[in-house]
N, C-alpha and C. Protein backbone atom coordinates (compact mmCIF):
# COMPACT_ATOMS: atom_id res chain seq x y z
N MET A 1 176.29 62.77 12.62
CA MET A 1 176.13 62.78 14.54
C MET A 1 177.23 62.76 15.05
N LEU A 2 177.80 64.55 15.42
CA LEU A 2 178.95 64.59 16.02
C LEU A 2 178.89 63.52 17.08
N GLU A 3 180.27 63.27 17.78
CA GLU A 3 180.62 62.32 18.54
C GLU A 3 180.89 63.24 19.96
N HIS A 4 180.42 62.65 20.99
CA HIS A 4 180.40 63.90 22.49
C HIS A 4 182.02 63.81 22.67
N SER A 5 182.95 65.20 22.46
CA SER A 5 184.28 65.07 22.26
C SER A 5 184.91 66.83 23.53
N TRP A 6 186.12 66.45 23.80
CA TRP A 6 186.09 67.57 24.43
C TRP A 6 186.47 68.58 23.86
N VAL A 7 186.79 68.68 22.18
CA VAL A 7 186.74 69.29 21.16
C VAL A 7 184.91 70.86 21.22
N VAL A 8 183.77 69.97 21.05
CA VAL A 8 182.74 70.44 21.37
C VAL A 8 182.14 70.63 22.93
N ASP A 9 182.84 69.76 23.60
CA ASP A 9 182.34 71.01 25.23
C ASP A 9 183.24 72.42 25.19
N GLU A 10 184.63 72.30 24.45
CA GLU A 10 185.32 73.27 24.47
C GLU A 10 183.87 74.69 23.61
N TRP A 11 184.13 74.04 22.54
CA TRP A 11 182.86 75.34 21.75
C TRP A 11 182.02 75.46 22.88
N VAL A 12 180.84 74.97 23.03
CA VAL A 12 180.20 74.68 23.62
C VAL A 12 180.54 76.14 25.15
N GLN A 13 181.80 75.45 25.69
CA GLN A 13 181.82 76.84 27.05
C GLN A 13 182.30 77.82 26.50
N THR A 14 183.01 78.08 25.67
CA THR A 14 183.60 79.14 24.67
C THR A 14 182.33 80.03 24.22
N GLY A 15 181.45 79.55 24.24
CA GLY A 15 180.29 80.56 23.40
C GLY A 15 179.06 80.77 25.15
N ILE A 16 179.46 80.12 25.86
CA ILE A 16 178.60 80.89 27.07
C ILE A 16 179.07 81.25 27.50
N ARG A 17 180.79 81.23 27.97
CA ARG A 17 181.01 82.29 28.05
C ARG A 17 181.03 83.71 27.56
N LYS A 18 181.65 83.72 25.87
CA LYS A 18 180.87 84.56 25.08
C LYS A 18 179.49 85.72 25.22
N GLY A 19 178.50 84.52 25.72
CA GLY A 19 177.26 85.24 25.76
C GLY A 19 177.61 85.91 27.06
N LEU A 20 177.46 85.36 28.04
CA LEU A 20 178.06 85.99 29.38
C LEU A 20 178.80 87.15 29.07
N GLU A 21 179.80 87.25 28.68
CA GLU A 21 180.39 88.41 28.57
C GLU A 21 179.70 89.49 27.61
N GLN A 22 179.04 88.93 26.64
CA GLN A 22 178.23 90.93 26.45
C GLN A 22 177.34 90.74 26.72
N GLY A 23 176.47 90.09 27.97
CA GLY A 23 175.36 89.60 28.58
C GLY A 23 175.32 91.17 29.55
N ARG A 24 176.66 91.01 30.19
CA ARG A 24 177.28 91.65 31.17
C ARG A 24 177.56 92.95 30.51
N LYS A 25 178.40 93.39 29.42
CA LYS A 25 178.24 94.45 29.20
C LYS A 25 177.44 95.06 27.95
N GLU A 26 175.83 94.49 27.72
CA GLU A 26 174.89 94.96 27.54
C GLU A 26 174.40 95.70 28.31
N GLY A 27 174.26 95.47 30.28
CA GLY A 27 173.32 94.67 31.23
C GLY A 27 174.38 96.20 31.63
N ARG A 28 175.53 96.69 31.30
CA ARG A 28 175.93 97.69 31.88
C ARG A 28 175.59 98.61 31.42
N GLU A 29 175.73 98.70 30.36
CA GLU A 29 176.02 99.80 28.88
C GLU A 29 173.82 100.73 29.54
N GLU A 30 173.08 98.92 29.77
CA GLU A 30 171.77 99.35 30.24
C GLU A 30 171.31 100.38 31.08
N ALA A 31 172.43 99.92 32.29
CA ALA A 31 172.32 100.55 33.77
C ALA A 31 172.60 101.46 33.57
N ARG A 32 173.66 102.33 32.75
CA ARG A 32 174.75 103.81 32.51
C ARG A 32 173.46 104.19 32.41
N GLN A 33 172.52 103.82 31.04
CA GLN A 33 171.52 105.32 30.68
C GLN A 33 170.87 105.15 30.99
N GLU A 34 170.00 103.86 32.01
CA GLU A 34 169.06 104.37 32.89
C GLU A 34 169.82 105.02 34.05
N ILE A 35 170.26 105.47 34.73
CA ILE A 35 171.21 106.48 35.78
C ILE A 35 171.03 108.04 34.58
N ARG A 36 171.68 107.77 33.50
CA ARG A 36 171.76 108.97 33.18
C ARG A 36 170.53 109.81 32.83
N THR A 37 169.66 109.01 32.51
CA THR A 37 168.04 109.22 32.18
C THR A 37 167.14 109.85 33.28
N GLU A 38 167.26 109.02 34.68
CA GLU A 38 166.79 109.52 35.62
C GLU A 38 167.50 110.38 36.49
N THR A 39 169.23 111.13 35.94
CA THR A 39 169.99 111.90 36.76
C THR A 39 169.47 113.48 35.65
N LEU A 40 168.70 112.98 35.02
CA LEU A 40 168.41 113.60 33.98
C LEU A 40 167.15 114.80 34.46
N ARG A 41 166.64 113.39 34.44
CA ARG A 41 164.71 113.85 34.99
C ARG A 41 164.72 114.41 36.07
N ARG A 42 165.84 114.25 37.20
CA ARG A 42 166.04 114.92 38.61
C ARG A 42 166.89 116.46 38.30
N ALA A 43 166.43 116.56 37.78
CA ALA A 43 168.08 117.65 37.13
C ALA A 43 166.51 118.93 36.68
N VAL A 44 165.73 118.03 36.04
CA VAL A 44 164.58 118.84 34.91
C VAL A 44 163.64 119.31 36.50
N ILE A 45 162.79 118.52 36.94
CA ILE A 45 162.68 118.61 37.96
C ILE A 45 162.97 119.57 39.28
N SER A 46 164.42 119.48 39.64
CA SER A 46 165.45 120.17 40.40
C SER A 46 164.72 121.47 39.85
N ALA A 47 165.37 121.75 38.78
CA ALA A 47 165.41 123.30 37.75
C ALA A 47 163.83 123.80 37.90
N LEU A 48 162.82 123.48 37.94
CA LEU A 48 161.74 123.45 37.83
C LEU A 48 160.83 123.87 39.77
N ALA A 49 161.43 123.10 40.21
CA ALA A 49 161.14 123.32 41.79
C ALA A 49 162.16 124.81 42.05
N VAL A 50 163.33 125.11 41.71
CA VAL A 50 163.88 126.16 42.35
C VAL A 50 163.72 127.39 41.40
N ARG A 51 162.80 127.25 40.07
CA ARG A 51 162.55 128.50 39.46
C ARG A 51 161.39 128.81 40.11
N PHE A 52 160.13 127.81 40.13
CA PHE A 52 158.72 127.68 40.76
C PHE A 52 158.06 127.85 41.40
N GLU A 53 159.13 127.03 42.39
CA GLU A 53 158.91 126.38 44.07
C GLU A 53 158.15 125.33 43.80
N VAL A 54 157.34 125.05 42.94
CA VAL A 54 156.57 123.94 42.62
C VAL A 54 156.40 123.19 41.66
N VAL A 55 156.27 122.16 41.76
CA VAL A 55 156.33 121.26 40.32
C VAL A 55 154.94 120.95 40.30
N PRO A 56 153.69 120.59 39.82
CA PRO A 56 152.43 120.01 39.77
C PRO A 56 152.11 118.38 39.39
N LEU A 57 151.62 117.98 40.11
CA LEU A 57 151.70 116.69 39.84
C LEU A 57 151.44 115.89 38.34
N ASP A 58 150.73 116.57 37.67
CA ASP A 58 150.56 116.33 36.37
C ASP A 58 152.09 116.52 35.64
N LEU A 59 152.83 117.14 35.43
CA LEU A 59 154.64 118.14 35.12
C LEU A 59 155.06 116.65 35.39
N LEU A 60 155.80 116.10 36.74
CA LEU A 60 155.65 114.97 37.23
C LEU A 60 155.56 113.77 36.46
N GLN A 61 154.52 113.77 36.80
CA GLN A 61 153.65 112.29 35.49
C GLN A 61 154.62 112.31 34.89
N THR A 62 154.30 113.48 33.57
CA THR A 62 154.49 113.31 32.59
C THR A 62 156.16 113.23 32.25
N LEU A 63 156.87 114.19 33.07
CA LEU A 63 158.05 113.77 33.35
C LEU A 63 158.95 112.05 33.49
N GLY A 64 157.90 111.53 34.37
CA GLY A 64 158.80 110.39 34.81
C GLY A 64 157.66 109.26 33.52
N ASN A 65 157.39 109.69 32.59
CA ASN A 65 156.99 108.87 31.53
C ASN A 65 158.01 109.37 30.33
N ILE A 66 158.34 109.57 29.90
CA ILE A 66 159.90 110.10 29.59
C ILE A 66 161.17 109.32 29.43
N SER A 67 161.74 108.79 28.52
CA SER A 67 162.80 107.61 28.38
C SER A 67 163.55 107.79 28.14
N GLN A 68 164.22 109.15 27.44
CA GLN A 68 164.91 109.15 26.85
C GLN A 68 166.00 110.44 26.91
N SER A 69 167.12 110.67 27.19
CA SER A 69 167.44 111.21 27.66
C SER A 69 168.02 112.57 27.26
N LEU A 70 167.78 112.41 25.14
CA LEU A 70 168.13 113.72 24.89
C LEU A 70 167.07 114.94 24.64
N THR A 71 165.37 114.15 25.28
CA THR A 71 164.81 115.01 25.50
C THR A 71 164.97 115.55 26.90
N LEU A 72 165.11 114.63 27.69
CA LEU A 72 164.92 115.04 29.40
C LEU A 72 166.37 116.36 29.23
N ASP A 73 167.51 116.43 28.31
CA ASP A 73 167.79 117.43 28.72
C ASP A 73 167.03 118.86 27.84
N HIS A 74 167.41 118.21 26.91
CA HIS A 74 166.18 119.47 25.96
C HIS A 74 165.23 120.00 27.19
N LEU A 75 164.64 119.71 27.90
CA LEU A 75 163.31 119.90 28.85
C LEU A 75 164.28 120.29 30.42
N HIS A 76 165.29 120.02 30.32
CA HIS A 76 166.23 120.69 31.39
C HIS A 76 166.85 121.88 31.18
N GLN A 77 167.19 122.17 30.30
CA GLN A 77 167.28 123.74 29.38
C GLN A 77 165.91 124.26 29.10
N ALA A 78 164.99 123.96 28.97
CA ALA A 78 163.42 124.67 28.66
C ALA A 78 163.34 125.15 30.14
N ALA A 79 163.64 124.23 31.51
CA ALA A 79 162.88 124.92 32.40
C ALA A 79 164.24 125.49 32.67
N ILE A 80 165.14 125.85 33.14
CA ILE A 80 166.13 126.64 33.46
C ILE A 80 165.14 127.85 32.93
N ARG A 81 165.04 128.39 31.54
CA ARG A 81 164.87 129.58 30.78
C ARG A 81 163.45 129.64 30.57
N ALA A 82 162.16 128.86 30.92
CA ALA A 82 160.93 129.02 31.05
C ALA A 82 160.61 130.37 32.47
N ASP A 83 160.03 130.99 31.11
CA ASP A 83 159.24 132.30 32.28
C ASP A 83 158.52 132.20 33.02
N SER A 84 157.64 131.04 32.86
CA SER A 84 156.34 129.85 34.00
C SER A 84 156.16 129.02 33.95
N LEU A 85 155.47 128.63 34.26
CA LEU A 85 155.03 127.40 34.34
C LEU A 85 154.38 127.08 32.95
N ASP A 86 153.47 127.54 32.75
CA ASP A 86 152.64 127.31 31.55
C ASP A 86 154.17 128.03 30.26
N ASP A 87 154.31 128.29 30.28
CA ASP A 87 155.90 128.83 29.70
C ASP A 87 156.59 127.71 29.43
N PHE A 88 156.81 126.83 30.62
CA PHE A 88 157.43 125.41 30.78
C PHE A 88 156.46 124.63 29.50
N ARG A 89 155.44 125.03 30.25
CA ARG A 89 154.03 123.70 29.69
C ARG A 89 153.71 123.80 28.19
N ARG A 90 154.14 125.39 27.71
CA ARG A 90 154.49 125.03 25.80
C ARG A 90 155.37 124.78 25.75
N LYS A 91 156.20 124.69 26.14
CA LYS A 91 158.00 124.10 25.33
C LYS A 91 158.21 122.54 25.37
N LEU A 92 157.21 121.97 26.93
CA LEU A 92 157.44 120.59 26.55
C LEU A 92 156.32 120.12 25.52
N ALA A 93 155.21 120.58 24.77
CA ALA A 93 154.61 120.09 23.92
C ALA A 93 155.20 120.48 22.89
N LEU A 94 155.84 121.14 22.68
CA LEU A 94 156.85 121.22 21.52
C LEU A 94 157.59 119.92 21.25
N VAL A 95 158.60 119.78 22.31
CA VAL A 95 159.41 118.72 22.92
C VAL A 95 158.64 117.50 22.39
N MET A 96 157.84 117.29 22.75
CA MET A 96 156.75 116.42 22.83
C MET A 96 156.04 115.92 21.40
N GLY A 97 156.11 116.87 20.94
CA GLY A 97 154.98 116.85 19.58
C GLY A 97 153.86 116.82 19.46
N GLU A 98 153.49 117.63 20.64
CA GLU A 98 152.21 117.78 20.45
C GLU A 98 151.83 118.92 19.83
């Protein structure tokens, strides 16, 4: 059994500091990703609203359930290029693998 000493205390404190720093880094990255995802989601909705004046509730709900920024980026481009809401829905189904 190890005797309680300043060395053990230092090891524990170093481990705690490293753990806290790693947690802060991971937390910041997670927050950045959440902000990026929400920004892209709003961009898709905005593009649809500008193009077609209204965004149906079912599309808002579907977009709200998408958490991957790459998917939302593709949908943003699709929203800009879509000829109609039905065209966007078809592209959404393709992107979602339906």
